[in-house]
Amino acid sequence: MLLTCPSTPPATTRRSPISARRICHSIAGLAAAEFGLDAAAVMSSTRGAPCAAYARQVAMYLAHVGFALSFEAIGRVFGRDRTTVSHACRVVEDSRDDAKLDRRLAVLEIMCVACGERLDGTPDVGV
C-alpha cells in the first residue's frame, strides 16, 4: 500500500510563515525596552554589559518558549551557538524563582503573543 503525504499540513500543525529572524528581532526590541537598553545592544555580536547579556538571554528564552524556535535557529539570528542559547534558556528559567522577575517575564510572554499576532497579520482583539 502506498502512503501519500498531503501537500499542506492541517491548519493545526502548519508552521507560521514568519521568519525566525523577524521574530527574534521583534523579541529583542521588547527585551531591550523592558531592560532600558537599545535593541542594538541586545543583538550585538559581542557580550557587552551584563545587563545587555541578560536581556539577550531573555530574548532567546522568549523566542524558544513563546515561538517554539529551535536553539539552532535562534543562535543563527543572534550570532551564537545553539549551546549558548540552551544555556541562556536555563539561566532565565532558573531566575524565575524570583517572584518579581517572574512577573516581568510573564508580561513579556504576553507581549510576545501580541507581537506574534501582529507579525502574523491577525488582529489584536482582546490584547
PDB file of N, CA and C in Angstrom:
ATOM      1  N   MET A   1       0.839  -1.175   0.000  1.00  0.00           N
ATOM      2  CA  MET A   1       0.000   0.000   0.000  1.00  0.00           C
ATOM      3  C   MET A   1       0.885   1.239   0.000  1.00  0.00           C
ATOM      4  N   LEU A   2       0.589   2.178  -0.839  1.00  0.00           N
ATOM      5  CA  LEU A   2       1.368   3.404  -0.968  1.00  0.00           C
ATOM      6  C   LEU A   2       0.764   4.482  -0.081  1.00  0.00           C
ATOM      7  N   LEU A   3       1.587   5.019   0.810  1.00  0.00           N
ATOM      8  CA  LEU A   3       1.131   6.104   1.673  1.00  0.00           C
ATOM      9  C   LEU A   3       1.517   7.425   1.042  1.00  0.00           C
ATOM     10  N   THR A   4       0.591   8.325   1.020  1.00  0.00           N
ATOM     11  CA  THR A   4       0.895   9.643   0.471  1.00  0.00           C
ATOM     12  C   THR A   4       0.781  10.675   1.569  1.00  0.00           C
ATOM     13  N   CYS A   5       1.515  11.704   1.417  1.00  0.00           N
ATOM     14  CA  CYS A   5       1.516  12.798   2.374  1.00  0.00           C
ATOM     15  C   CYS A   5       0.780  13.964   1.746  1.00  0.00           C
ATOM     16  N   PRO A   6      -0.159  14.574   2.461  1.00  0.00           N
ATOM     17  CA  PRO A   6      -0.859  15.720   1.876  1.00  0.00           C
ATOM     18  C   PRO A   6       0.114  16.851   1.557  1.00  0.00           C
ATOM     19  N   SER A   7      -0.216  17.623   0.542  1.00  0.00           N
ATOM     20  CA  SER A   7       0.691  18.691   0.117  1.00  0.00           C
ATOM     21  C   SER A   7       0.801  19.802   1.150  1.00  0.00           C
ATOM     22  N   THR A   8      -0.255  20.022   1.936  1.00  0.00           N
ATOM     23  CA  THR A   8      -0.183  21.008   3.003  1.00  0.00           C
ATOM     24  C   THR A   8      -0.652  20.366   4.293  1.00  0.00           C
ATOM     25  N   PRO A   9       0.059  20.616   5.368  1.00  0.00           N
ATOM     26  CA  PRO A   9      -0.345  20.032   6.642  1.00  0.00           C
ATOM     27  C   PRO A   9      -1.637  20.651   7.141  1.00  0.00           C
ATOM     28  N   PRO A  10      -2.323  19.982   8.047  1.00  0.00           N
ATOM     29  CA  PRO A  10      -3.545  20.559   8.610  1.00  0.00           C
ATOM     30  C   PRO A  10      -3.261  21.903   9.273  1.00  0.00           C
ATOM     31  N   ALA A  11      -4.271  22.731   9.373  1.00  0.00           N
ATOM     32  CA  ALA A  11      -4.103  24.078   9.928  1.00  0.00           C
ATOM     33  C   ALA A  11      -3.562  24.051  11.348  1.00  0.00           C
ATOM     34  N   THR A  12      -3.864  23.013  12.106  1.00  0.00           N
ATOM     35  CA  THR A  12      -3.414  22.964  13.491  1.00  0.00           C
ATOM     36  C   THR A  12      -1.925  22.712  13.613  1.00  0.00           C
ATOM     37  N   THR A  13      -1.311  22.128  12.593  1.00  0.00           N
ATOM     38  CA  THR A  13       0.122  21.848  12.671  1.00  0.00           C
ATOM     39  C   THR A  13       0.938  22.696  11.716  1.00  0.00           C
ATOM     40  N   ARG A  14       0.302  23.517  10.913  1.00  0.00           N
ATOM     41  CA  ARG A  14       1.019  24.336   9.941  1.00  0.00           C
ATOM     42  C   ARG A  14       1.873  25.377  10.649  1.00  0.00           C
ATOM     43  N   ARG A  15       3.126  25.477  10.271  1.00  0.00           N
ATOM     44  CA  ARG A  15       4.037  26.466  10.844  1.00  0.00           C
ATOM     45  C   ARG A  15       3.709  27.845  10.291  1.00  0.00           C
ATOM     46  N   SER A  16       3.879  28.839  11.115  1.00  0.00           N
ATOM     47  CA  SER A  16       3.649  30.212  10.698  1.00  0.00           C
ATOM     48  C   SER A  16       4.716  30.613   9.685  1.00  0.00           C
ATOM     49  N   PRO A  17       4.350  31.416   8.699  1.00  0.00           N
ATOM     50  CA  PRO A  17       5.323  31.836   7.693  1.00  0.00           C
ATOM     51  C   PRO A  17       6.297  32.906   8.193  1.00  0.00           C
ATOM     52  N   ILE A  18       6.153  33.329   9.439  1.00  0.00           N
ATOM     53  CA  ILE A  18       7.025  34.363   9.982  1.00  0.00           C
ATOM     54  C   ILE A  18       8.436  33.796  10.121  1.00  0.00           C
ATOM     55  N   SER A  19       9.417  34.548   9.685  1.00  0.00           N
ATOM     56  CA  SER A  19      10.791  34.064   9.755  1.00  0.00           C
ATOM     57  C   SER A  19      11.352  34.183  11.167  1.00  0.00           C
ATOM     58  N   ALA A  20      12.273  33.291  11.489  1.00  0.00           N
ATOM     59  CA  ALA A  20      12.928  33.314  12.797  1.00  0.00           C
ATOM     60  C   ALA A  20      13.649  34.640  13.000  1.00  0.00           C
ATOM     61  N   ARG A  21      14.216  35.164  11.951  1.00  0.00           N
ATOM     62  CA  ARG A  21      14.929  36.450  12.042  1.00  0.00           C
ATOM     63  C   ARG A  21      13.984  37.568  12.468  1.00  0.00           C
ATOM     64  N   ARG A  22      12.837  37.617  11.845  1.00  0.00           N
ATOM     65  CA  ARG A  22      11.856  38.659  12.166  1.00  0.00           C
ATOM     66  C   ARG A  22      11.349  38.511  13.596  1.00  0.00           C
ATOM     67  N   ILE A  23      11.077  37.283  13.996  1.00  0.00           N
ATOM     68  CA  ILE A  23      10.612  37.017  15.359  1.00  0.00           C
ATOM     69  C   ILE A  23      11.664  37.451  16.371  1.00  0.00           C
ATOM     70  N   CYS A  24      12.898  37.012  16.173  1.00  0.00           N
ATOM     71  CA  CYS A  24      13.960  37.313  17.131  1.00  0.00           C
ATOM     72  C   CYS A  24      14.245  38.805  17.228  1.00  0.00           C
ATOM     73  N   HIS A  25      14.212  39.496  16.114  1.00  0.00           N
ATOM     74  CA  HIS A  25      14.454  40.944  16.145  1.00  0.00           C
ATOM     75  C   HIS A  25      13.328  41.662  16.890  1.00  0.00           C
ATOM     76  N   SER A  26      12.105  41.215  16.698  1.00  0.00           N
ATOM     77  CA  SER A  26      10.980  41.827  17.419  1.00  0.00           C
ATOM     78  C   SER A  26      11.093  41.570  18.914  1.00  0.00           C
ATOM     79  N   ILE A  27      11.432  40.344  19.275  1.00  0.00           N
ATOM     80  CA  ILE A  27      11.567  39.996  20.691  1.00  0.00           C
ATOM     81  C   ILE A  27      12.748  40.734  21.312  1.00  0.00           C
ATOM     82  N   ALA A  28      13.827  40.886  20.574  1.00  0.00           N
ATOM     83  CA  ALA A  28      14.983  41.626  21.081  1.00  0.00           C
ATOM     84  C   ALA A  28      14.584  43.074  21.381  1.00  0.00           C
ATOM     85  N   GLY A  29      13.743  43.648  20.541  1.00  0.00           N
ATOM     86  CA  GLY A  29      13.252  45.001  20.794  1.00  0.00           C
ATOM     87  C   GLY A  29      12.417  45.078  22.059  1.00  0.00           C
ATOM     88  N   LEU A  30      11.561  44.068  22.278  1.00  0.00           N
ATOM     89  CA  LEU A  30      10.761  44.022  23.506  1.00  0.00           C
ATOM     90  C   LEU A  30      11.648  43.895  24.739  1.00  0.00           C
ATOM     91  N   ALA A  31      12.622  42.992  24.680  1.00  0.00           N
ATOM     92  CA  ALA A  31      13.522  42.775  25.817  1.00  0.00           C
ATOM     93  C   ALA A  31      14.356  44.029  26.080  1.00  0.00           C
ATOM     94  N   ALA A  32      14.823  44.660  25.018  1.00  0.00           N
ATOM     95  CA  ALA A  32      15.620  45.879  25.178  1.00  0.00           C
ATOM     96  C   ALA A  32      14.802  46.968  25.858  1.00  0.00           C
ATOM     97  N   ALA A  33      13.571  47.138  25.427  1.00  0.00           N
ATOM     98  CA  ALA A  33      12.703  48.153  26.031  1.00  0.00           C
ATOM     99  C   ALA A  33      12.439  47.834  27.504  1.00  0.00           C
ATOM    100  N   GLU A  34      12.210  46.575  27.815  1.00  0.00           N
ATOM    101  CA  GLU A  34      11.932  46.171  29.199  1.00  0.00           C
ATOM    102  C   GLU A  34      13.123  46.450  30.115  1.00  0.00           C
ATOM    103  N   PHE A  35      14.334  46.268  29.597  1.00  0.00           N
ATOM    104  CA  PHE A  35      15.534  46.449  30.414  1.00  0.00           C
ATOM    105  C   PHE A  35      16.182  47.818  30.205  1.00  0.00           C
ATOM    106  N   GLY A  36      15.512  48.713  29.470  1.00  0.00           N
ATOM    107  CA  GLY A  36      16.009  50.070  29.267  1.00  0.00           C
ATOM    108  C   GLY A  36      17.268  50.137  28.426  1.00  0.00           C
ATOM    109  N   LEU A  37      17.336  49.304  27.406  1.00  0.00           N
ATOM    110  CA  LEU A  37      18.515  49.247  26.540  1.00  0.00           C
ATOM    111  C   LEU A  37      18.140  49.543  25.101  1.00  0.00           C
ATOM    112  N   ASP A  38      19.144  49.747  24.295  1.00  0.00           N
ATOM    113  CA  ASP A  38      18.974  49.879  22.862  1.00  0.00           C
ATOM    114  C   ASP A  38      18.903  48.475  22.263  1.00  0.00           C
ATOM    115  N   ALA A  39      18.041  48.268  21.277  1.00  0.00           N
ATOM    116  CA  ALA A  39      17.910  46.948  20.649  1.00  0.00           C
ATOM    117  C   ALA A  39      19.235  46.484  20.046  1.00  0.00           C
ATOM    118  N   ALA A  40      20.047  47.414  19.584  1.00  0.00           N
ATOM    119  CA  ALA A  40      21.346  47.049  19.008  1.00  0.00           C
ATOM    120  C   ALA A  40      22.249  46.396  20.049  1.00  0.00           C
ATOM    121  N   ALA A  41      22.134  46.809  21.305  1.00  0.00           N
ATOM    122  CA  ALA A  41      22.944  46.202  22.372  1.00  0.00           C
ATOM    123  C   ALA A  41      22.540  44.754  22.598  1.00  0.00           C
ATOM    124  N   VAL A  42      21.250  44.480  22.466  1.00  0.00           N
ATOM    125  CA  VAL A  42      20.762  43.115  22.661  1.00  0.00           C
ATOM    126  C   VAL A  42      21.169  42.229  21.490  1.00  0.00           C
ATOM    127  N   MET A  43      21.189  42.777  20.289  1.00  0.00           N
ATOM    128  CA  MET A  43      21.548  41.998  19.095  1.00  0.00           C
ATOM    129  C   MET A  43      23.045  42.017  18.805  1.00  0.00           C
ATOM    130  N   SER A  44      23.819  42.684  19.623  1.00  0.00           N
ATOM    131  CA  SER A  44      25.258  42.818  19.393  1.00  0.00           C
ATOM    132  C   SER A  44      25.962  41.464  19.311  1.00  0.00           C
ATOM    133  N   SER A  45      26.997  41.411  18.489  1.00  0.00           N
ATOM    134  CA  SER A  45      27.756  40.173  18.355  1.00  0.00           C
ATOM    135  C   SER A  45      28.728  39.971  19.521  1.00  0.00           C
ATOM    136  N   THR A  46      28.978  41.034  20.285  1.00  0.00           N
ATOM    137  CA  THR A  46      29.842  40.905  21.469  1.00  0.00           C
ATOM    138  C   THR A  46      28.967  40.762  22.705  1.00  0.00           C
ATOM    139  N   ARG A  47      29.549  40.317  23.791  1.00  0.00           N
ATOM    140  CA  ARG A  47      28.786  40.066  25.012  1.00  0.00           C
ATOM    141  C   ARG A  47      28.201  41.362  25.560  1.00  0.00           C
ATOM    142  N   GLY A  48      29.008  42.403  25.622  1.00  0.00           N
ATOM    143  CA  GLY A  48      28.528  43.682  26.121  1.00  0.00           C
ATOM    144  C   GLY A  48      28.395  43.711  27.623  1.00  0.00           C
ATOM    145  N   ALA A  49      27.687  44.702  28.108  1.00  0.00           N
ATOM    146  CA  ALA A  49      27.464  44.857  29.545  1.00  0.00           C
ATOM    147  C   ALA A  49      26.603  43.712  30.071  1.00  0.00           C
ATOM    148  N   PRO A  50      26.746  43.385  31.348  1.00  0.00           N
ATOM    149  CA  PRO A  50      25.946  42.291  31.921  1.00  0.00           C
ATOM    150  C   PRO A  50      24.438  42.467  31.735  1.00  0.00           C
ATOM    151  N   CYS A  51      23.945  43.704  31.820  1.00  0.00           N
ATOM    152  CA  CYS A  51      22.506  43.908  31.631  1.00  0.00           C
ATOM    153  C   CYS A  51      22.099  43.610  30.184  1.00  0.00           C
ATOM    154  N   ALA A  52      22.959  43.926  29.229  1.00  0.00           N
ATOM    155  CA  ALA A  52      22.677  43.614  27.821  1.00  0.00           C
ATOM    156  C   ALA A  52      22.736  42.112  27.578  1.00  0.00           C
ATOM    157  N   ALA A  53      23.697  41.453  28.204  1.00  0.00           N
ATOM    158  CA  ALA A  53      23.817  39.998  28.052  1.00  0.00           C
ATOM    159  C   ALA A  53      22.587  39.298  28.623  1.00  0.00           C
ATOM    160  N   TYR A  54      22.092  39.772  29.774  1.00  0.00           N
ATOM    161  CA  TYR A  54      20.912  39.147  30.365  1.00  0.00           C
ATOM    162  C   TYR A  54      19.667  39.424  29.522  1.00  0.00           C
ATOM    163  N   ALA A  55      19.541  40.636  29.000  1.00  0.00           N
ATOM    164  CA  ALA A  55      18.406  40.961  28.131  1.00  0.00           C
ATOM    165  C   ALA A  55      18.436  40.069  26.887  1.00  0.00           C
ATOM    166  N   ARG A  56      19.625  39.799  26.361  1.00  0.00           N
ATOM    167  CA  ARG A  56      19.767  38.909  25.206  1.00  0.00           C
ATOM    168  C   ARG A  56      19.329  37.497  25.579  1.00  0.00           C
ATOM    169  N   GLN A  57      19.726  37.046  26.776  1.00  0.00           N
ATOM    170  CA  GLN A  57      19.318  35.718  27.235  1.00  0.00           C
ATOM    171  C   GLN A  57      17.794  35.635  27.359  1.00  0.00           C
ATOM    172  N   VAL A  58      17.187  36.697  27.863  1.00  0.00           N
ATOM    173  CA  VAL A  58      15.725  36.733  27.978  1.00  0.00           C
ATOM    174  C   VAL A  58      15.092  36.676  26.593  1.00  0.00           C
ATOM    175  N   ALA A  59      15.628  37.413  25.648  1.00  0.00           N
ATOM    176  CA  ALA A  59      15.095  37.402  24.278  1.00  0.00           C
ATOM    177  C   ALA A  59      15.202  36.008  23.670  1.00  0.00           C
ATOM    178  N   MET A  60      16.326  35.343  23.879  1.00  0.00           N
ATOM    179  CA  MET A  60      16.493  33.987  23.363  1.00  0.00           C
ATOM    180  C   MET A  60      15.489  33.032  24.005  1.00  0.00           C
ATOM    181  N   TYR A  61      15.317  33.179  25.313  1.00  0.00           N
ATOM    182  CA  TYR A  61      14.367  32.351  26.056  1.00  0.00           C
ATOM    183  C   TYR A  61      12.953  32.554  25.518  1.00  0.00           C
ATOM    184  N   LEU A  62      12.558  33.796  25.330  1.00  0.00           N
ATOM    185  CA  LEU A  62      11.216  34.085  24.829  1.00  0.00           C
ATOM    186  C   LEU A  62      11.012  33.554  23.415  1.00  0.00           C
ATOM    187  N   ALA A  63      12.037  33.618  22.586  1.00  0.00           N
ATOM    188  CA  ALA A  63      11.935  33.088  21.228  1.00  0.00           C
ATOM    189  C   ALA A  63      11.725  31.574  21.261  1.00  0.00           C
ATOM    190  N   HIS A  64      12.408  30.921  22.200  1.00  0.00           N
ATOM    191  CA  HIS A  64      12.277  29.463  22.305  1.00  0.00           C
ATOM    192  C   HIS A  64      10.941  29.058  22.926  1.00  0.00           C
ATOM    193  N   VAL A  65      10.592  29.676  24.044  1.00  0.00           N
ATOM    194  CA  VAL A  65       9.380  29.305  24.772  1.00  0.00           C
ATOM    195  C   VAL A  65       8.122  29.819  24.067  1.00  0.00           C
ATOM    196  N   GLY A  66       8.150  31.060  23.646  1.00  0.00           N
ATOM    197  CA  GLY A  66       6.966  31.672  23.068  1.00  0.00           C
ATOM    198  C   GLY A  66       6.676  31.306  21.629  1.00  0.00           C
ATOM    199  N   PHE A  67       7.727  31.005  20.860  1.00  0.00           N
ATOM    200  CA  PHE A  67       7.542  30.739  19.438  1.00  0.00           C
ATOM    201  C   PHE A  67       8.043  29.361  19.013  1.00  0.00           C
ATOM    202  N   ALA A  68       8.504  28.568  19.970  1.00  0.00           N
ATOM    203  CA  ALA A  68       8.982  27.210  19.713  1.00  0.00           C
ATOM    204  C   ALA A  68      10.071  27.163  18.645  1.00  0.00           C
ATOM    205  N   LEU A  69      10.899  28.204  18.607  1.00  0.00           N
ATOM    206  CA  LEU A  69      12.031  28.185  17.677  1.00  0.00           C
ATOM    207  C   LEU A  69      13.125  27.291  18.259  1.00  0.00           C
ATOM    208  N   SER A  70      13.846  26.634  17.404  1.00  0.00           N
ATOM    209  CA  SER A  70      14.928  25.755  17.855  1.00  0.00           C
ATOM    210  C   SER A  70      16.111  26.581  18.342  1.00  0.00           C
ATOM    211  N   PHE A  71      16.927  25.958  19.189  1.00  0.00           N
ATOM    212  CA  PHE A  71      18.142  26.619  19.672  1.00  0.00           C
ATOM    213  C   PHE A  71      19.023  27.006  18.486  1.00  0.00           C
ATOM    214  N   GLU A  72      19.086  26.149  17.499  1.00  0.00           N
ATOM    215  CA  GLU A  72      19.923  26.415  16.332  1.00  0.00           C
ATOM    216  C   GLU A  72      19.437  27.640  15.551  1.00  0.00           C
ATOM    217  N   ALA A  73      18.122  27.733  15.332  1.00  0.00           N
ATOM    218  CA  ALA A  73      17.568  28.873  14.587  1.00  0.00           C
ATOM    219  C   ALA A  73      17.785  30.181  15.354  1.00  0.00           C
ATOM    220  N   ILE A  74      17.562  30.140  16.658  1.00  0.00           N
ATOM    221  CA  ILE A  74      17.766  31.333  17.480  1.00  0.00           C
ATOM    222  C   ILE A  74      19.238  31.723  17.472  1.00  0.00           C
ATOM    223  N   GLY A  75      20.105  30.752  17.614  1.00  0.00           N
ATOM    224  CA  GLY A  75      21.540  31.011  17.609  1.00  0.00           C
ATOM    225  C   GLY A  75      22.010  31.669  16.319  1.00  0.00           C
ATOM    226  N   ARG A  76      21.468  31.218  15.186  1.00  0.00           N
ATOM    227  CA  ARG A  76      21.850  31.824  13.901  1.00  0.00           C
ATOM    228  C   ARG A  76      21.496  33.307  13.876  1.00  0.00           C
ATOM    229  N   VAL A  77      20.307  33.649  14.362  1.00  0.00           N
ATOM    230  CA  VAL A  77      19.878  35.049  14.323  1.00  0.00           C
ATOM    231  C   VAL A  77      20.713  35.908  15.261  1.00  0.00           C
ATOM    232  N   PHE A  78      20.998  35.397  16.461  1.00  0.00           N
ATOM    233  CA  PHE A  78      21.748  36.170  17.449  1.00  0.00           C
ATOM    234  C   PHE A  78      23.262  36.039  17.280  1.00  0.00           C
ATOM    235  N   GLY A  79      23.706  35.256  16.319  1.00  0.00           N
ATOM    236  CA  GLY A  79      25.138  35.081  16.096  1.00  0.00           C
ATOM    237  C   GLY A  79      25.808  34.285  17.207  1.00  0.00           C
ATOM    238  N   ARG A  80      25.067  33.308  17.736  1.00  0.00           N
ATOM    239  CA  ARG A  80      25.571  32.482  18.833  1.00  0.00           C
ATOM    240  C   ARG A  80      25.426  31.008  18.477  1.00  0.00           C
ATOM    241  N   ASP A  81      26.096  30.163  19.236  1.00  0.00           N
ATOM    242  CA  ASP A  81      25.999  28.718  19.082  1.00  0.00           C
ATOM    243  C   ASP A  81      24.722  28.225  19.759  1.00  0.00           C
ATOM    244  N   ARG A  82      24.201  27.081  19.309  1.00  0.00           N
ATOM    245  CA  ARG A  82      22.980  26.531  19.910  1.00  0.00           C
ATOM    246  C   ARG A  82      23.161  26.211  21.389  1.00  0.00           C
ATOM    247  N   THR A  83      24.387  25.858  21.788  1.00  0.00           N
ATOM    248  CA  THR A  83      24.622  25.569  23.205  1.00  0.00           C
ATOM    249  C   THR A  83      24.550  26.837  24.045  1.00  0.00           C
ATOM    250  N   THR A  84      24.918  27.965  23.460  1.00  0.00           N
ATOM    251  CA  THR A  84      24.797  29.254  24.152  1.00  0.00           C
ATOM    252  C   THR A  84      23.326  29.589  24.369  1.00  0.00           C
ATOM    253  N   VAL A  85      22.493  29.306  23.375  1.00  0.00           N
ATOM    254  CA  VAL A  85      21.057  29.545  23.502  1.00  0.00           C
ATOM    255  C   VAL A  85      20.470  28.628  24.572  1.00  0.00           C
ATOM    256  N   SER A  86      20.889  27.391  24.581  1.00  0.00           N
ATOM    257  CA  SER A  86      20.435  26.436  25.597  1.00  0.00           C
ATOM    258  C   SER A  86      20.804  26.928  26.995  1.00  0.00           C
ATOM    259  N   HIS A  87      22.029  27.409  27.146  1.00  0.00           N
ATOM    260  CA  HIS A  87      22.482  27.946  28.427  1.00  0.00           C
ATOM    261  C   HIS A  87      21.640  29.166  28.828  1.00  0.00           C
ATOM    262  N   ALA A  88      21.353  30.035  27.864  1.00  0.00           N
ATOM    263  CA  ALA A  88      20.547  31.228  28.137  1.00  0.00           C
ATOM    264  C   ALA A  88      19.166  30.828  28.648  1.00  0.00           C
ATOM    265  N   CYS A  89      18.571  29.833  28.044  1.00  0.00           N
ATOM    266  CA  CYS A  89      17.243  29.379  28.477  1.00  0.00           C
ATOM    267  C   CYS A  89      17.289  28.815  29.892  1.00  0.00           C
ATOM    268  N   ARG A  90      18.342  28.090  30.219  1.00  0.00           N
ATOM    269  CA  ARG A  90      18.485  27.562  31.593  1.00  0.00           C
ATOM    270  C   ARG A  90      18.666  28.688  32.597  1.00  0.00           C
ATOM    271  N   VAL A  91      19.480  29.683  32.244  1.00  0.00           N
ATOM    272  CA  VAL A  91      19.727  30.821  33.149  1.00  0.00           C
ATOM    273  C   VAL A  91      18.427  31.563  33.438  1.00  0.00           C
ATOM    274  N   VAL A  92      17.662  31.846  32.395  1.00  0.00           N
ATOM    275  CA  VAL A  92      16.423  32.590  32.572  1.00  0.00           C
ATOM    276  C   VAL A  92      15.406  31.746  33.334  1.00  0.00           C
ATOM    277  N   GLU A  93      15.296  30.488  33.002  1.00  0.00           N
ATOM    278  CA  GLU A  93      14.354  29.616  33.708  1.00  0.00           C
ATOM    279  C   GLU A  93      14.704  29.530  35.194  1.00  0.00           C
ATOM    280  N   ASP A  94      15.983  29.427  35.505  1.00  0.00           N
ATOM    281  CA  ASP A  94      16.412  29.380  36.906  1.00  0.00           C
ATOM    282  C   ASP A  94      16.135  30.694  37.630  1.00  0.00           C
ATOM    283  N   SER A  95      16.208  31.800  36.905  1.00  0.00           N
ATOM    284  CA  SER A  95      15.987  33.108  37.536  1.00  0.00           C
ATOM    285  C   SER A  95      14.507  33.376  37.805  1.00  0.00           C
ATOM    286  N   ARG A  96      13.621  32.529  37.299  1.00  0.00           N
ATOM    287  CA  ARG A  96      12.183  32.710  37.521  1.00  0.00           C
ATOM    288  C   ARG A  96      11.775  32.407  38.955  1.00  0.00           C
ATOM    289  N   ASP A  97      12.706  31.931  39.778  1.00  0.00           N
ATOM    290  CA  ASP A  97      12.416  31.711  41.195  1.00  0.00           C
ATOM    291  C   ASP A  97      12.146  33.037  41.901  1.00  0.00           C
ATOM    292  N   ASP A  98      12.705  34.121  41.378  1.00  0.00           N
ATOM    293  CA  ASP A  98      12.464  35.462  41.909  1.00  0.00           C
ATOM    294  C   ASP A  98      11.075  35.910  41.427  1.00  0.00           C
ATOM    295  N   ALA A  99      10.141  36.119  42.375  1.00  0.00           N
ATOM    296  CA  ALA A  99       8.749  36.431  42.029  1.00  0.00           C
ATOM    297  C   ALA A  99       8.621  37.694  41.178  1.00  0.00           C
ATOM    298  N   LYS A 100       9.392  38.727  41.503  1.00  0.00           N
ATOM    299  CA  LYS A 100       9.306  39.981  40.751  1.00  0.00           C
ATOM    300  C   LYS A 100       9.753  39.772  39.298  1.00  0.00           C
ATOM    301  N   LEU A 101      10.863  39.081  39.121  1.00  0.00           N
ATOM    302  CA  LEU A 101      11.357  38.810  37.771  1.00  0.00           C
ATOM    303  C   LEU A 101      10.399  37.876  37.030  1.00  0.00           C
ATOM    304  N   ASP A 102       9.831  36.925  37.730  1.00  0.00           N
ATOM    305  CA  ASP A 102       8.882  36.007  37.107  1.00  0.00           C
ATOM    306  C   ASP A 102       7.681  36.773  36.546  1.00  0.00           C
ATOM    307  N   ARG A 103       7.196  37.772  37.287  1.00  0.00           N
ATOM    308  CA  ARG A 103       6.079  38.594  36.803  1.00  0.00           C
ATOM    309  C   ARG A 103       6.492  39.391  35.556  1.00  0.00           C
ATOM    310  N   ARG A 104       7.710  39.930  35.568  1.00  0.00           N
ATOM    311  CA  ARG A 104       8.199  40.677  34.393  1.00  0.00           C
ATOM    312  C   ARG A 104       8.265  39.768  33.172  1.00  0.00           C
ATOM    313  N   LEU A 105       8.748  38.560  33.367  1.00  0.00           N
ATOM    314  CA  LEU A 105       8.855  37.617  32.256  1.00  0.00           C
ATOM    315  C   LEU A 105       7.478  37.177  31.772  1.00  0.00           C
ATOM    316  N   ALA A 106       6.537  37.010  32.701  1.00  0.00           N
ATOM    317  CA  ALA A 106       5.173  36.641  32.308  1.00  0.00           C
ATOM    318  C   ALA A 106       4.553  37.731  31.436  1.00  0.00           C
ATOM    319  N   VAL A 107       4.787  38.991  31.788  1.00  0.00           N
ATOM    320  CA  VAL A 107       4.276  40.104  30.978  1.00  0.00           C
ATOM    321  C   VAL A 107       4.945  40.096  29.604  1.00  0.00           C
ATOM    322  N   LEU A 108       6.246  39.848  29.571  1.00  0.00           N
ATOM    323  CA  LEU A 108       6.944  39.781  28.284  1.00  0.00           C
ATOM    324  C   LEU A 108       6.400  38.641  27.426  1.00  0.00           C
ATOM    325  N   GLU A 109       6.068  37.517  28.038  1.00  0.00           N
ATOM    326  CA  GLU A 109       5.497  36.395  27.286  1.00  0.00           C
ATOM    327  C   GLU A 109       4.161  36.791  26.664  1.00  0.00           C
ATOM    328  N   ILE A 110       3.341  37.526  27.414  1.00  0.00           N
ATOM    329  CA  ILE A 110       2.060  38.000  26.884  1.00  0.00           C
ATOM    330  C   ILE A 110       2.305  38.975  25.732  1.00  0.00           C
ATOM    331  N   MET A 111       3.290  39.836  25.893  1.00  0.00           N
ATOM    332  CA  MET A 111       3.620  40.793  24.835  1.00  0.00           C
ATOM    333  C   MET A 111       4.108  40.060  23.590  1.00  0.00           C
ATOM    334  N   CYS A 112       4.812  38.962  23.773  1.00  0.00           N
ATOM    335  CA  CYS A 112       5.278  38.171  22.627  1.00  0.00           C
ATOM    336  C   CYS A 112       4.107  37.588  21.855  1.00  0.00           C
ATOM    337  N   VAL A 113       3.076  37.146  22.573  1.00  0.00           N
ATOM    338  CA  VAL A 113       1.881  36.619  21.912  1.00  0.00           C
ATOM    339  C   VAL A 113       1.261  37.714  21.046  1.00  0.00           C
ATOM    340  N   ALA A 114       1.124  38.907  21.613  1.00  0.00           N
ATOM    341  CA  ALA A 114       0.555  40.026  20.862  1.00  0.00           C
ATOM    342  C   ALA A 114       1.442  40.390  19.679  1.00  0.00           C
ATOM    343  N   CYS A 115       2.741  40.382  19.898  1.00  0.00           N
ATOM    344  CA  CYS A 115       3.700  40.693  18.830  1.00  0.00           C
ATOM    345  C   CYS A 115       3.605  39.649  17.726  1.00  0.00           C
ATOM    346  N   GLY A 116       3.506  38.398  18.108  1.00  0.00           N
ATOM    347  CA  GLY A 116       3.392  37.316  17.133  1.00  0.00           C
ATOM    348  C   GLY A 116       2.129  37.440  16.305  1.00  0.00           C
ATOM    349  N   GLU A 117       1.034  37.869  16.951  1.00  0.00           N
ATOM    350  CA  GLU A 117      -0.205  38.051  16.208  1.00  0.00           C
ATOM    351  C   GLU A 117      -0.077  39.187  15.206  1.00  0.00           C
ATOM    352  N   ARG A 118       0.584  40.250  15.602  1.00  0.00           N
ATOM    353  CA  ARG A 118       0.781  41.373  14.668  1.00  0.00           C
ATOM    354  C   ARG A 118       1.684  40.957  13.518  1.00  0.00           C
ATOM    355  N   LEU A 119       2.734  40.213  13.813  1.00  0.00           N
ATOM    356  CA  LEU A 119       3.637  39.772  12.763  1.00  0.00           C
ATOM    357  C   LEU A 119       2.930  38.823  11.798  1.00  0.00           C
ATOM    358  N   ASP A 120       1.996  38.054  12.348  1.00  0.00           N
ATOM    359  CA  ASP A 120       1.262  37.064  11.551  1.00  0.00           C
ATOM    360  C   ASP A 120       0.116  37.704  10.773  1.00  0.00           C
ATOM    361  N   GLY A 121      -0.240  38.941  11.154  1.00  0.00           N
ATOM    362  CA  GLY A 121      -1.301  39.629  10.454  1.00  0.00           C
ATOM    363  C   GLY A 121      -2.672  39.450  11.052  1.00  0.00           C
ATOM    364  N   THR A 122      -2.770  38.765  12.193  1.00  0.00           N
ATOM    365  CA  THR A 122      -4.074  38.594  12.824  1.00  0.00           C
ATOM    366  C   THR A 122      -4.340  39.783  13.735  1.00  0.00           C
ATOM    367  N   PRO A 123      -5.591  40.121  13.943  1.00  0.00           N
ATOM    368  CA  PRO A 123      -5.905  41.297  14.767  1.00  0.00           C
ATOM    369  C   PRO A 123      -5.574  41.098  16.234  1.00  0.00           C
ATOM    370  N   ASP A 124      -5.395  42.209  16.944  1.00  0.00           N
ATOM    371  CA  ASP A 124      -5.053  42.195  18.356  1.00  0.00           C
ATOM    372  C   ASP A 124      -6.293  42.227  19.253  1.00  0.00           C
ATOM    373  N   VAL A 125      -7.352  41.604  18.857  1.00  0.00           N
ATOM    374  CA  VAL A 125      -8.593  41.636  19.611  1.00  0.00           C
ATOM    375  C   VAL A 125      -8.387  41.021  20.978  1.00  0.00           C
ATOM    376  N   GLY A 126      -8.754  41.768  22.018  1.00  0.00           N
ATOM    377  CA  GLY A 126      -8.678  41.261  23.370  1.00  0.00           C
ATOM    378  C   GLY A 126      -7.309  41.328  24.007  1.00  0.00           C
ATOM    379  N   VAL A 127      -6.336  41.927  23.348  1.00  0.00           N
ATOM    380  CA  VAL A 127      -4.994  42.002  23.927  1.00  0.00           C
ATOM    381  C   VAL A 127      -4.775  43.368  24.496  1.00  0.00           C
TER     382      VAL A 127
END
